[in-house]
N, C-alpha and C. Protein backbone atom coordinates (compact mmCIF):
# COMPACT_ATOMS: atom_id res chain seq x y z
N UNK A 1 -35.27 -24.35 4.80
CA UNK A 1 -34.52 -23.40 4.87
C UNK A 1 -33.77 -23.64 3.98
N UNK A 2 -33.51 -22.41 2.74
CA UNK A 2 -32.33 -22.29 1.70
C UNK A 2 -31.27 -22.74 2.50
N UNK A 3 -30.01 -23.11 1.38
CA UNK A 3 -28.65 -23.36 1.17
C UNK A 3 -27.94 -22.10 1.80
N UNK A 4 -28.21 -20.98 0.87
CA UNK A 4 -27.61 -19.83 1.25
C UNK A 4 -27.84 -19.41 2.49
N UNK A 5 -29.00 -19.47 3.61
CA UNK A 5 -29.34 -19.27 4.54
C UNK A 5 -28.46 -20.17 5.67
N UNK A 6 -28.47 -21.58 5.30
CA UNK A 6 -28.06 -22.44 6.10
C UNK A 6 -26.38 -21.92 6.20
N UNK A 7 -25.85 -21.61 4.71
CA UNK A 7 -24.07 -21.16 4.64
C UNK A 7 -23.95 -20.16 5.69
N UNK A 8 -24.91 -19.19 5.62
CA UNK A 8 -24.48 -17.79 6.15
C UNK A 8 -24.61 -18.22 7.95
N UNK A 9 -25.61 -19.04 8.48
CA UNK A 9 -25.79 -19.38 9.75
C UNK A 9 -24.10 -20.11 10.07
N UNK A 10 -23.70 -20.83 8.97
CA UNK A 10 -22.50 -21.72 9.34
C UNK A 10 -21.62 -20.76 9.50
N UNK A 11 -21.31 -20.21 9.16
CA UNK A 11 -20.14 -19.05 9.02
C UNK A 11 -20.19 -18.46 10.45
N UNK A 12 -18.59 -18.55 11.04
CA UNK A 12 -18.37 -17.93 12.29
C UNK A 12 -16.97 -17.29 12.67
N UNK A 13 -17.03 -16.54 13.69
CA UNK A 13 -15.82 -15.97 14.02
C UNK A 13 -15.13 -15.53 12.70
N UNK A 14 -13.63 -15.83 12.45
CA UNK A 14 -12.78 -15.25 11.85
C UNK A 14 -13.61 -15.70 10.12
N UNK A 15 -14.09 -16.36 9.77
CA UNK A 15 -14.37 -16.58 8.53
C UNK A 15 -15.63 -15.46 8.28
N UNK A 16 -16.36 -15.73 9.12
CA UNK A 16 -18.18 -14.80 9.65
C UNK A 16 -17.18 -13.39 8.84
N UNK A 17 -16.22 -13.03 9.56
CA UNK A 17 -15.66 -11.64 9.67
C UNK A 17 -15.02 -11.24 7.99
N UNK A 18 -14.20 -12.14 7.93
CA UNK A 18 -13.68 -11.86 6.33
C UNK A 18 -14.65 -11.65 5.33
N UNK A 19 -15.70 -12.68 5.27
CA UNK A 19 -16.60 -12.62 4.16
C UNK A 19 -17.41 -11.19 4.35
N UNK A 20 -17.55 -10.91 5.75
CA UNK A 20 -18.29 -9.34 5.80
C UNK A 20 -17.46 -7.95 5.26
N UNK A 21 -15.98 -8.58 5.19
CA UNK A 21 -15.28 -7.25 4.85
C UNK A 21 -14.75 -7.46 3.53
N UNK A 22 -15.14 -8.88 3.03
CA UNK A 22 -14.70 -8.70 1.60
C UNK A 22 -16.09 -8.26 0.88
N UNK A 23 -16.98 -8.19 1.33
CA UNK A 23 -18.34 -7.42 0.76
C UNK A 23 -18.04 -6.13 1.18
N UNK A 24 -17.34 -5.89 2.23
CA UNK A 24 -17.64 -3.99 2.60
C UNK A 24 -16.31 -3.37 1.31
N UNK A 25 -15.58 -4.45 1.03
CA UNK A 25 -14.41 -3.81 -0.22
C UNK A 25 -15.48 -4.00 -1.54
N UNK A 26 -16.20 -4.69 -2.15
CA UNK A 26 -16.90 -5.21 -2.93
C UNK A 26 -17.87 -3.56 -2.90
N UNK A 27 -18.54 -3.47 -2.02
CA UNK A 27 -19.79 -2.52 -1.68
C UNK A 27 -18.76 -1.16 -2.20
N UNK A 28 -17.58 -0.56 -1.40
CA UNK A 28 -16.98 0.28 -1.65
C UNK A 28 -16.26 0.74 -3.01
N UNK A 29 -15.85 -0.06 -3.73
CA UNK A 29 -15.41 -0.08 -5.08
C UNK A 29 -16.53 0.08 -5.69
N UNK A 30 -17.87 -0.25 -5.82
CA UNK A 30 -18.68 -0.16 -6.82
C UNK A 30 -19.70 0.85 -6.72
N UNK A 31 -19.72 1.02 -5.32
CA UNK A 31 -20.83 2.25 -5.26
C UNK A 31 -20.18 3.09 -4.67
N UNK A 32 -19.02 3.19 -3.98
CA UNK A 32 -18.43 4.72 -3.65
C UNK A 32 -18.25 5.06 -2.03
N UNK A 33 -18.21 5.57 -1.37
CA UNK A 33 -18.04 5.87 0.25
C UNK A 33 -19.88 6.12 0.61
N UNK A 34 -20.18 7.48 -0.77
CA UNK A 34 -21.54 7.53 -0.12
C UNK A 34 -22.93 6.61 0.19
N UNK A 35 -22.25 5.46 -0.36
CA UNK A 35 -22.96 4.33 -0.33
C UNK A 35 -22.94 3.25 0.22
N UNK A 36 -21.56 3.35 1.16
CA UNK A 36 -20.94 2.51 1.44
C UNK A 36 -21.72 2.94 2.78
N UNK A 37 -22.50 1.98 3.49
CA UNK A 37 -23.42 1.80 4.77
C UNK A 37 -23.17 0.21 5.53
N UNK A 38 -23.62 0.54 6.77
CA UNK A 38 -23.69 -0.50 7.54
C UNK A 38 -24.52 -1.46 6.73
N UNK A 39 -25.96 -1.12 6.17
CA UNK A 39 -27.22 -1.96 5.72
C UNK A 39 -26.70 -2.43 4.60
N UNK A 40 -25.86 -1.42 3.86
CA UNK A 40 -25.92 -2.24 2.62
C UNK A 40 -24.62 -3.44 2.53
N UNK A 41 -23.69 -3.14 3.38
CA UNK A 41 -22.68 -4.41 3.63
C UNK A 41 -23.45 -5.16 3.74
N UNK A 42 -24.17 -5.20 4.94
CA UNK A 42 -24.83 -6.22 5.81
C UNK A 42 -25.80 -7.18 4.75
N UNK A 43 -26.30 -6.48 3.75
CA UNK A 43 -27.18 -7.40 2.76
C UNK A 43 -26.05 -7.64 2.02
N UNK A 44 -25.08 -7.10 1.48
CA UNK A 44 -24.16 -7.98 0.59
C UNK A 44 -23.73 -8.92 0.82
N UNK A 45 -23.13 -9.14 2.13
CA UNK A 45 -22.97 -10.33 2.37
C UNK A 45 -23.54 -11.35 3.25
N UNK A 46 -24.85 -11.11 3.01
CA UNK A 46 -25.82 -11.92 3.86
C UNK A 46 -25.73 -12.08 5.29
N UNK A 47 -25.28 -10.83 5.84
CA UNK A 47 -25.12 -10.77 7.61
C UNK A 47 -26.37 -9.69 8.13
N UNK A 48 -26.79 -10.16 9.47
CA UNK A 48 -27.77 -9.22 9.75
C UNK A 48 -26.90 -8.11 10.57
N UNK A 49 -27.75 -6.80 10.53
CA UNK A 49 -27.23 -5.65 11.07
C UNK A 49 -26.21 -5.51 12.07
N UNK A 50 -27.01 -6.07 13.13
CA UNK A 50 -26.58 -6.47 14.62
C UNK A 50 -25.12 -6.67 14.91
N UNK A 51 -24.86 -7.98 13.56
CA UNK A 51 -23.90 -8.60 13.66
C UNK A 51 -22.20 -7.38 13.10
N UNK A 52 -22.90 -6.72 12.31
CA UNK A 52 -21.85 -5.83 12.19
C UNK A 52 -21.64 -4.55 12.94
N UNK A 53 -22.37 -4.06 13.52
CA UNK A 53 -22.60 -3.08 14.49
C UNK A 53 -21.71 -3.62 15.80
N UNK A 54 -22.06 -4.64 16.45
CA UNK A 54 -21.37 -5.18 17.52
C UNK A 54 -19.88 -5.20 17.07
N UNK A 55 -19.27 -5.26 16.03
CA UNK A 55 -18.08 -5.60 15.65
C UNK A 55 -17.59 -4.00 15.21
N UNK A 56 -17.95 -3.10 14.50
CA UNK A 56 -17.88 -1.80 13.96
C UNK A 56 -19.13 -1.08 14.24
N UNK A 57 -19.13 -0.24 15.37
CA UNK A 57 -20.01 0.70 15.57
C UNK A 57 -20.39 1.74 14.74
N UNK A 58 -19.34 2.11 13.62
CA UNK A 58 -20.06 3.16 12.57
C UNK A 58 -19.54 2.74 11.50
N UNK A 59 -19.98 3.35 10.56
CA UNK A 59 -19.24 3.05 9.04
C UNK A 59 -17.87 3.75 9.01
N UNK A 60 -17.84 4.32 9.70
CA UNK A 60 -16.23 4.67 9.33
C UNK A 60 -15.10 3.40 10.33
N UNK A 61 -15.38 2.95 11.42
CA UNK A 61 -15.04 1.97 11.82
C UNK A 61 -15.13 0.84 10.86
N UNK A 62 -16.10 0.89 10.41
CA UNK A 62 -16.42 -0.48 9.15
C UNK A 62 -14.95 -0.35 7.89
N UNK A 63 -15.24 1.04 7.10
CA UNK A 63 -14.02 1.46 6.35
C UNK A 63 -13.00 1.14 6.60
N UNK A 64 -12.53 1.85 7.89
CA UNK A 64 -10.91 1.46 8.19
C UNK A 64 -10.78 -0.43 8.43
N UNK A 65 -11.73 -1.39 8.90
CA UNK A 65 -11.45 -2.43 9.15
C UNK A 65 -11.21 -3.01 8.07
N UNK A 66 -12.32 -2.44 6.44
CA UNK A 66 -12.37 -3.27 5.22
C UNK A 66 -10.74 -2.66 4.54
N UNK A 67 -10.96 -1.66 4.77
CA UNK A 67 -9.16 -1.24 4.06
C UNK A 67 -7.92 -1.95 4.66
N UNK A 68 -8.29 -2.23 5.97
CA UNK A 68 -7.28 -3.18 6.51
C UNK A 68 -7.09 -4.35 6.09
N UNK A 69 -8.00 -4.60 6.10
CA UNK A 69 -8.02 -6.50 5.90
C UNK A 69 -7.73 -6.38 3.81
N UNK A 70 -8.30 -5.37 3.59
CA UNK A 70 -7.75 -5.80 1.67
C UNK A 70 -6.15 -5.26 1.88
N UNK A 71 -5.62 -4.70 2.53
CA UNK A 71 -3.79 -5.17 2.41
C UNK A 71 -3.45 -5.73 2.99
N UNK A 72 -4.00 -6.63 3.48
CA UNK A 72 -3.72 -8.03 4.45
C UNK A 72 -3.62 -8.90 3.35
N UNK A 73 -5.04 -8.97 2.90
CA UNK A 73 -5.29 -9.98 1.84
C UNK A 73 -4.31 -9.95 0.80
N UNK A 74 -4.31 -8.32 -0.10
CA UNK A 74 -3.76 -8.20 -1.38
C UNK A 74 -2.35 -8.00 -1.36
N UNK A 75 -1.98 -8.36 0.17
CA UNK A 75 -0.10 -8.52 0.12
C UNK A 75 1.00 -8.73 -0.61
N UNK A 76 1.84 -7.73 -1.26
CA UNK A 76 2.73 -8.25 -1.85
C UNK A 76 3.76 -8.75 -1.16
N UNK A 77 4.36 -9.86 -1.89
CA UNK A 77 5.58 -10.44 -1.04
C UNK A 77 6.87 -9.73 -1.31
N UNK A 78 7.89 -9.44 -0.52
CA UNK A 78 8.78 -9.24 -0.52
C UNK A 78 10.08 -9.45 -1.38
N UNK A 79 10.22 -9.21 -2.69
CA UNK A 79 11.26 -9.76 -3.52
C UNK A 79 12.61 -10.30 -3.09
N UNK A 80 12.84 -11.49 -3.44
CA UNK A 80 14.92 -11.45 -3.30
C UNK A 80 15.60 -11.96 -4.39
N UNK A 81 16.11 -11.07 -5.06
CA UNK A 81 16.50 -11.94 -6.12
C UNK A 81 18.24 -11.58 -6.43
N UNK A 82 18.63 -10.80 -4.98
CA UNK A 82 20.17 -11.23 -4.91
C UNK A 82 20.37 -9.81 -4.97
N UNK A 83 19.92 -8.78 -6.10
CA UNK A 83 20.37 -7.53 -5.66
C UNK A 83 19.36 -6.48 -5.78
N UNK A 84 19.76 -5.25 -4.90
CA UNK A 84 18.88 -4.14 -5.05
C UNK A 84 18.28 -4.00 -6.19
N UNK A 85 18.88 -3.76 -7.38
CA UNK A 85 18.27 -3.22 -8.55
C UNK A 85 17.02 -4.55 -8.73
N UNK A 86 17.57 -5.54 -8.95
CA UNK A 86 16.56 -6.71 -9.05
C UNK A 86 15.30 -6.60 -7.99
N UNK A 87 15.34 -6.49 -7.21
CA UNK A 87 14.70 -6.47 -6.12
C UNK A 87 13.59 -5.07 -6.43
N UNK A 88 14.15 -4.03 -6.59
CA UNK A 88 13.21 -2.69 -6.68
C UNK A 88 12.51 -2.85 -7.95
N UNK A 89 13.30 -3.39 -8.98
CA UNK A 89 12.49 -3.34 -10.19
C UNK A 89 11.20 -4.82 -10.06
N UNK A 90 11.26 -5.46 -9.35
CA UNK A 90 10.56 -6.60 -9.11
C UNK A 90 9.34 -6.33 -8.09
N UNK A 91 9.73 -5.45 -7.22
CA UNK A 91 8.40 -4.48 -6.22
C UNK A 91 7.87 -3.88 -6.94
N UNK A 92 8.46 -2.98 -7.69
CA UNK A 92 7.65 -1.95 -8.58
C UNK A 92 6.56 -2.39 -9.44
N UNK A 93 7.71 -3.63 -10.17
CA UNK A 93 6.54 -4.23 -11.24
C UNK A 93 5.44 -4.96 -11.02
N UNK A 94 5.55 -5.90 -9.21
CA UNK A 94 4.46 -6.03 -8.96
C UNK A 94 3.53 -5.33 -8.73
N UNK A 95 3.95 -4.30 -7.94
CA UNK A 95 2.83 -3.12 -7.57
C UNK A 95 2.18 -2.59 -8.57
N UNK A 96 2.41 -2.61 -9.73
CA UNK A 96 2.31 -1.74 -10.72
C UNK A 96 1.25 -2.82 -11.28
N UNK A 97 1.38 -4.06 -11.66
CA UNK A 97 0.37 -4.97 -11.67
C UNK A 97 -0.87 -5.09 -11.18
N UNK A 98 -0.62 -5.31 -9.75
CA UNK A 98 -1.45 -5.56 -8.90
C UNK A 98 -2.23 -4.21 -8.56
N UNK A 99 -1.78 -3.19 -7.89
CA UNK A 99 -2.66 -2.34 -7.88
C UNK A 99 -3.17 -1.08 -8.68
N UNK A 100 -2.28 -0.98 -9.98
CA UNK A 100 -3.13 -0.21 -11.03
C UNK A 100 -3.97 -0.33 -11.35
N UNK A 101 -4.75 -1.47 -11.36
CA UNK A 101 -6.78 -1.28 -11.52
C UNK A 101 -7.33 -0.52 -10.20
N UNK A 102 -6.66 -0.34 -8.90
CA UNK A 102 -7.77 -0.24 -8.34
C UNK A 102 -7.20 1.29 -7.38
N UNK A 103 -5.87 1.36 -7.63
CA UNK A 103 -5.25 2.64 -6.83
C UNK A 103 -6.28 3.97 -7.22
N UNK A 104 -6.71 4.11 -8.41
CA UNK A 104 -7.40 5.52 -8.95
C UNK A 104 -8.65 5.31 -8.60
N UNK A 105 -9.29 4.23 -8.66
CA UNK A 105 -11.09 3.84 -8.33
C UNK A 105 -10.84 4.38 -6.90
N UNK A 106 -9.66 3.64 -6.50
CA UNK A 106 -10.25 3.87 -5.07
C UNK A 106 -10.22 5.22 -4.53
N UNK A 107 -9.07 6.24 -4.80
CA UNK A 107 -9.14 7.38 -4.70
C UNK A 107 -10.53 7.98 -4.90
N UNK A 108 -10.72 7.75 -6.16
CA UNK A 108 -12.21 8.41 -6.69
C UNK A 108 -13.40 8.27 -5.69
N UNK A 109 -13.52 6.34 -5.14
CA UNK A 109 -14.81 6.46 -4.66
C UNK A 109 -14.43 6.97 -3.17
N UNK A 110 -13.25 7.46 -2.69
CA UNK A 110 -13.24 7.69 -1.21
C UNK A 110 -13.39 9.47 -1.38
N UNK A 111 -13.85 10.25 -2.39
CA UNK A 111 -13.90 11.94 -2.05
C UNK A 111 -14.40 12.17 -1.35
N UNK A 112 -15.67 11.42 -1.26
CA UNK A 112 -16.76 11.71 0.05
C UNK A 112 -16.30 11.64 1.33
N UNK A 113 -15.31 10.78 1.59
CA UNK A 113 -14.87 10.52 2.87
C UNK A 113 -14.31 11.34 3.36
N UNK A 114 -13.21 11.91 2.09
CA UNK A 114 -12.46 12.75 2.49
C UNK A 114 -13.11 14.09 3.01
N UNK A 115 -14.26 13.94 2.36
CA UNK A 115 -14.64 15.44 2.98
C UNK A 115 -15.79 15.67 3.95
N UNK A 116 -15.99 14.26 4.30
CA UNK A 116 -17.14 14.33 5.75
C UNK A 116 -16.25 13.90 6.88
N UNK A 117 -14.89 12.89 6.66
CA UNK A 117 -14.41 12.71 7.77
C UNK A 117 -12.81 13.20 8.16
N UNK A 118 -12.78 13.80 6.92
CA UNK A 118 -11.66 14.86 7.16
C UNK A 118 -10.16 13.87 7.13
N UNK A 119 -10.70 12.67 6.31
CA UNK A 119 -9.45 11.78 6.14
C UNK A 119 -8.43 12.18 5.21
N UNK A 120 -7.15 11.49 5.45
CA UNK A 120 -6.03 11.80 4.17
C UNK A 120 -5.79 10.99 3.68
N UNK A 121 -5.01 10.43 2.14
CA UNK A 121 -4.52 9.71 1.49
C UNK A 121 -3.62 9.03 2.52
N UNK A 122 -3.05 9.54 3.35
CA UNK A 122 -1.76 9.04 4.33
C UNK A 122 -2.17 8.35 5.05
N UNK A 123 -3.51 8.64 5.74
CA UNK A 123 -3.78 7.64 6.97
C UNK A 123 -4.96 6.42 6.23
N UNK A 124 -5.27 6.61 4.86
CA UNK A 124 -5.71 5.22 4.27
C UNK A 124 -4.55 4.57 4.18
N UNK A 125 -3.59 5.26 3.20
CA UNK A 125 -2.68 4.10 3.35
C UNK A 125 -1.88 3.56 4.15
N UNK A 126 -1.66 4.10 5.55
CA UNK A 126 -1.40 3.28 6.52
C UNK A 126 -2.23 2.55 7.08
N UNK A 127 -3.14 2.73 6.73
CA UNK A 127 -4.43 1.16 7.10
C UNK A 127 -4.02 0.24 5.83
N UNK A 128 -4.00 0.65 4.88
CA UNK A 128 -3.88 -0.08 3.64
C UNK A 128 -2.28 -1.55 3.75
N UNK A 129 -1.33 -0.64 4.43
CA UNK A 129 -0.16 -1.32 4.65
C UNK A 129 -0.55 -1.74 5.42
N UNK A 130 0.56 -2.87 5.60
CA UNK A 130 0.83 -3.28 7.03
C UNK A 130 1.39 -3.37 7.68
N UNK A 131 1.79 -3.32 9.33
CA UNK A 131 2.47 -2.44 10.33
C UNK A 131 3.82 -3.17 9.75
N UNK A 132 5.02 -2.50 10.65
CA UNK A 132 6.17 -3.24 10.63
C UNK A 132 6.77 -2.60 9.22
N UNK A 133 8.23 -2.80 8.72
CA UNK A 133 9.33 -2.44 8.21
C UNK A 133 8.34 -2.49 6.17
N UNK A 134 8.25 -1.57 5.77
CA UNK A 134 8.07 -1.55 4.49
C UNK A 134 9.11 -2.76 3.63
N UNK A 135 8.41 -2.85 2.46
CA UNK A 135 9.05 -3.80 1.64
C UNK A 135 10.25 -3.31 1.34
N UNK A 136 10.47 -2.05 0.80
CA UNK A 136 11.39 -1.21 0.29
C UNK A 136 12.34 -0.87 1.57
N UNK A 137 11.91 -1.14 2.62
CA UNK A 137 12.80 -0.97 3.75
C UNK A 137 13.70 -1.80 3.97
N UNK A 138 13.18 -2.90 4.03
CA UNK A 138 14.28 -4.66 3.72
C UNK A 138 14.48 -4.62 2.67
N UNK A 139 14.31 -4.06 1.72
CA UNK A 139 15.29 -4.63 0.24
C UNK A 139 16.51 -3.68 0.65
N UNK A 140 15.94 -2.31 0.79
CA UNK A 140 17.42 -1.92 0.94
C UNK A 140 18.35 -2.00 2.56
N UNK A 141 17.68 -2.81 3.17
CA UNK A 141 18.18 -3.25 4.40
C UNK A 141 19.43 -4.79 3.56
N UNK A 142 19.04 -5.36 2.90
CA UNK A 142 19.30 -6.21 2.60
C UNK A 142 20.60 -5.90 1.47
N UNK A 143 20.61 -4.91 0.85
CA UNK A 143 21.17 -4.44 0.17
C UNK A 143 22.79 -3.91 0.96
N UNK A 144 22.23 -2.94 2.41
CA UNK A 144 23.37 -2.81 2.97
C UNK A 144 24.09 -3.63 3.86
N UNK A 145 23.67 -4.73 4.05
CA UNK A 145 24.13 -6.18 4.38
C UNK A 145 25.04 -6.71 3.53
N UNK A 146 24.72 -6.66 2.24
CA UNK A 146 25.37 -7.41 1.15
C UNK A 146 26.66 -6.25 0.87
N UNK A 147 26.80 -5.25 1.37
CA UNK A 147 27.89 -4.56 0.75
C UNK A 147 27.61 -3.74 -0.68
N UNK A 148 26.17 -3.94 -0.70
CA UNK A 148 25.94 -2.84 -2.10
C UNK A 148 25.58 -1.53 -1.89
N UNK A 149 25.21 -1.19 -1.03
CA UNK A 149 25.39 0.07 0.01
C UNK A 149 26.32 0.67 0.54
N UNK A 150 26.97 1.33 1.03
CA UNK A 150 27.92 1.92 2.06
C UNK A 150 26.90 2.00 2.96
N UNK A 151 25.55 2.63 3.12
CA UNK A 151 24.91 3.26 4.61
C UNK A 151 23.66 3.04 3.77
N UNK A 152 22.63 2.64 5.04
CA UNK A 152 21.51 2.94 4.97
C UNK A 152 20.81 4.77 4.43
N UNK A 153 20.06 4.71 3.05
CA UNK A 153 19.77 6.45 2.51
C UNK A 153 18.77 6.35 3.50
N UNK A 154 18.59 7.91 3.64
CA UNK A 154 17.10 8.83 4.29
C UNK A 154 16.03 8.05 3.89
N UNK A 155 15.43 7.82 4.76
CA UNK A 155 13.78 7.34 4.69
C UNK A 155 12.89 7.89 3.49
N UNK A 156 13.36 9.07 2.85
CA UNK A 156 13.01 9.54 1.95
C UNK A 156 13.23 9.12 0.81
N UNK A 157 14.23 8.53 0.76
CA UNK A 157 14.97 7.94 -0.30
C UNK A 157 14.63 6.86 -0.70
N UNK A 158 14.58 6.16 0.70
CA UNK A 158 14.09 4.55 0.61
C UNK A 158 12.39 4.85 -0.11
N UNK A 159 11.76 5.54 0.04
CA UNK A 159 10.37 5.53 -0.29
C UNK A 159 10.14 6.02 -1.76
N UNK A 160 11.39 6.38 -1.83
CA UNK A 160 11.14 7.13 -3.48
C UNK A 160 10.43 5.96 -4.45
N UNK A 161 11.07 5.14 -4.93
CA UNK A 161 10.59 4.56 -6.11
C UNK A 161 9.01 4.22 -5.98
N UNK A 162 8.64 3.93 -4.48
CA UNK A 162 7.25 3.65 -4.66
C UNK A 162 6.34 4.81 -4.57
N UNK A 163 7.25 5.77 -3.87
CA UNK A 163 6.12 7.40 -4.25
C UNK A 163 6.09 7.70 -5.35
N UNK A 164 6.88 7.55 -6.39
CA UNK A 164 6.88 7.96 -7.80
C UNK A 164 6.04 6.89 -8.51
N UNK A 165 6.07 5.73 -8.54
CA UNK A 165 5.08 5.14 -9.28
C UNK A 165 3.91 5.44 -8.75
N UNK A 166 3.79 5.83 -7.36
CA UNK A 166 2.30 5.76 -7.10
C UNK A 166 1.98 7.28 -8.02
N UNK A 167 2.23 8.41 -7.67
CA UNK A 167 2.86 9.13 -8.61
C UNK A 167 2.00 9.22 -9.81
N UNK A 168 2.33 8.40 -10.33
CA UNK A 168 2.44 7.98 -11.85
C UNK A 168 0.96 7.34 -11.93
N UNK A 169 0.70 6.16 -10.69
CA UNK A 169 -0.62 5.64 -11.33
C UNK A 169 -1.92 6.69 -10.70
N UNK A 170 -1.70 7.65 -10.03
CA UNK A 170 -2.99 8.54 -9.73
C UNK A 170 -3.03 9.47 -10.78
N UNK A 171 -2.11 9.79 -11.36
CA UNK A 171 -2.29 10.55 -12.44
C UNK A 171 -2.78 10.20 -13.54
N UNK A 172 -2.36 9.03 -14.05
CA UNK A 172 -2.47 8.65 -15.48
C UNK A 172 -3.48 7.58 -15.28
N UNK A 173 -3.89 7.30 -14.38
CA UNK A 173 -5.29 5.96 -13.88
C UNK A 173 -4.99 4.88 -14.54
N UNK A 174 -3.75 4.39 -14.97
CA UNK A 174 -3.64 3.10 -16.08
C UNK A 174 -2.27 2.56 -15.34
N UNK A 175 -1.86 1.44 -15.67
CA UNK A 175 -0.84 1.01 -15.14
C UNK A 175 0.55 1.80 -16.16
N UNK A 176 1.73 2.12 -15.32
CA UNK A 176 2.73 2.84 -16.29
C UNK A 176 3.68 1.81 -17.23
N UNK A 177 4.77 2.03 -18.07
CA UNK A 177 4.92 1.60 -18.87
C UNK A 177 6.52 0.80 -18.41
N UNK A 178 7.05 -0.36 -18.79
CA UNK A 178 8.18 -0.94 -18.51
C UNK A 178 9.53 -0.12 -18.03
N UNK A 179 9.36 1.30 -19.00
CA UNK A 179 10.08 2.10 -19.38
C UNK A 179 10.15 3.03 -18.44
N UNK A 180 9.14 3.34 -17.54
CA UNK A 180 9.19 4.25 -16.79
C UNK A 180 9.68 3.69 -15.66
N UNK A 181 9.06 2.21 -15.08
CA UNK A 181 10.14 1.80 -14.19
C UNK A 181 11.25 1.83 -13.64
N UNK A 182 11.78 1.14 -15.00
CA UNK A 182 13.32 1.82 -15.26
C UNK A 182 13.70 2.95 -14.97
N UNK A 183 13.17 4.14 -15.55
CA UNK A 183 13.77 5.10 -15.20
C UNK A 183 13.68 5.55 -13.79
N UNK A 184 12.95 5.08 -13.32
CA UNK A 184 12.87 5.24 -11.87
C UNK A 184 13.46 4.69 -10.92
N UNK A 185 13.89 3.58 -11.17
CA UNK A 185 15.18 2.24 -10.70
C UNK A 185 16.41 3.13 -11.60
N UNK A 186 16.74 3.35 -12.38
CA UNK A 186 18.15 3.38 -12.86
C UNK A 186 18.31 4.81 -13.01
N UNK A 187 17.49 6.12 -13.21
CA UNK A 187 17.96 6.99 -13.62
C UNK A 187 18.10 8.02 -12.04
N UNK A 188 16.72 7.76 -11.38
CA UNK A 188 16.75 8.65 -10.14
C UNK A 188 16.81 7.93 -8.80
N UNK A 189 16.20 6.55 -8.52
CA UNK A 189 16.57 5.68 -7.09
C UNK A 189 17.89 5.23 -6.99
N UNK A 190 18.38 4.74 -7.87
CA UNK A 190 20.15 3.91 -7.37
C UNK A 190 20.89 5.27 -7.61
N UNK A 191 21.28 6.34 -8.58
CA UNK A 191 22.08 6.78 -8.56
C UNK A 191 22.39 7.70 -6.96
N UNK A 192 20.75 7.69 -6.06
CA UNK A 192 20.46 8.74 -5.27
C UNK A 192 21.07 7.90 -3.81
N UNK A 193 20.45 5.86 -3.97
CA UNK A 193 20.76 5.72 -3.20
C UNK A 193 22.44 5.09 -2.76
N UNK A 194 22.79 5.15 -4.14
CA UNK A 194 24.58 4.58 -4.16
C UNK A 194 25.30 5.58 -3.56
N UNK A 195 24.40 6.69 -3.66
CA UNK A 195 25.67 8.40 -3.11
C UNK A 195 25.98 8.25 -1.52
N UNK A 196 24.89 7.82 -0.61
CA UNK A 196 25.38 8.02 0.58
C UNK A 196 26.04 7.28 1.04
N UNK A 197 26.72 7.73 2.23
CA UNK A 197 27.88 6.95 2.99
C UNK A 197 28.85 6.92 1.86
N UNK A 198 29.11 6.69 0.74
CA UNK A 198 30.21 6.82 0.11
C UNK A 198 31.70 7.32 0.55
N UNK A 199 31.41 8.70 0.39
CA UNK A 199 32.59 9.67 1.40
C UNK A 199 33.12 9.33 2.30
N UNK A 200 32.14 8.34 2.91
CA UNK A 200 33.04 8.05 4.45
C UNK A 200 33.89 6.91 4.07
N UNK A 201 33.20 5.78 3.61
CA UNK A 201 34.25 4.67 3.35
C UNK A 201 35.25 5.19 2.81
N UNK A 202 35.27 6.18 2.05
CA UNK A 202 36.63 6.29 0.94
C UNK A 202 37.63 7.24 1.59
N UNK A 203 36.98 7.76 2.87
CA UNK A 203 38.11 8.50 3.34
C UNK A 203 37.47 10.17 3.15
N UNK A 204 36.84 10.56 2.42
CA UNK A 204 36.91 11.71 2.00
C UNK A 204 35.61 12.35 2.97
N UNK A 205 35.82 14.12 3.08
CA UNK A 205 35.14 15.03 4.23
C UNK A 205 34.03 14.91 3.54
N UNK A 206 33.24 14.44 4.52
CA UNK A 206 31.43 14.54 4.58
C UNK A 206 30.94 15.58 3.18
N UNK A 207 31.97 16.84 3.48
CA UNK A 207 31.24 18.07 2.75
C UNK A 207 32.74 18.84 2.31
N UNK A 208 32.45 19.05 1.21
CA UNK A 208 33.42 20.01 0.60
C UNK A 208 34.25 21.42 1.47
N UNK A 209 35.21 20.99 1.37
CA UNK A 209 36.13 22.66 2.33
C UNK A 209 35.34 24.19 2.07
N UNK A 210 34.75 24.47 2.98
CA UNK A 210 34.98 26.06 2.36
C UNK A 210 36.08 26.82 2.20
N UNK A 211 35.64 27.79 1.65
CA UNK A 211 36.91 28.47 1.12
C UNK A 211 37.01 30.09 1.76
N UNK A 212 37.63 30.08 2.12
CA UNK A 212 38.32 31.78 2.91
C UNK A 212 37.70 32.51 2.60
N UNK A 213 36.77 33.56 3.40
CA UNK A 213 36.42 34.90 3.26
C UNK A 213 37.25 35.27 2.46
């Protein structure tokens, strides 16, 4: 018996599942959804097809597991620089460095999936991002507790920096410049985030008085 076969047989439980899902990610990135099959992933991972079918009855089930696993493996830690600006710059820079190499490629590789399964980028992102508060939510909540922000901004404002960066990555298919990240943070996000709640804390009316008709 070869050493390779012995290694395959020794894998069990979480180690076996992780190896299969890693192989699935490699298959997806290299060959696209059209050639992302149970057989192809089984062959690449050195596992029997029956092992995969017991865990994931269809390739759609396997695809979702692969993307969820990749999100867990490639999770970006939430920074804590002590300031809102520093945290947002740090998380966007890390996202840019880590994901610029794959985000556009992944979108291109999944074109057939969108056509066949009716899936959406939002659905895939929900699989890729671990459950619970996002890094931006944690960052902004800390800023409120520190007193940097008077109130928690709306959810769309909180997610805006990551949404703008993701848009840039998808449109250019390459890493964005440090200057672009600075513009997103300093010119767009911070002015919006610091606006909410300031009129309440200063005792000002929440809206300008209406003129008499």
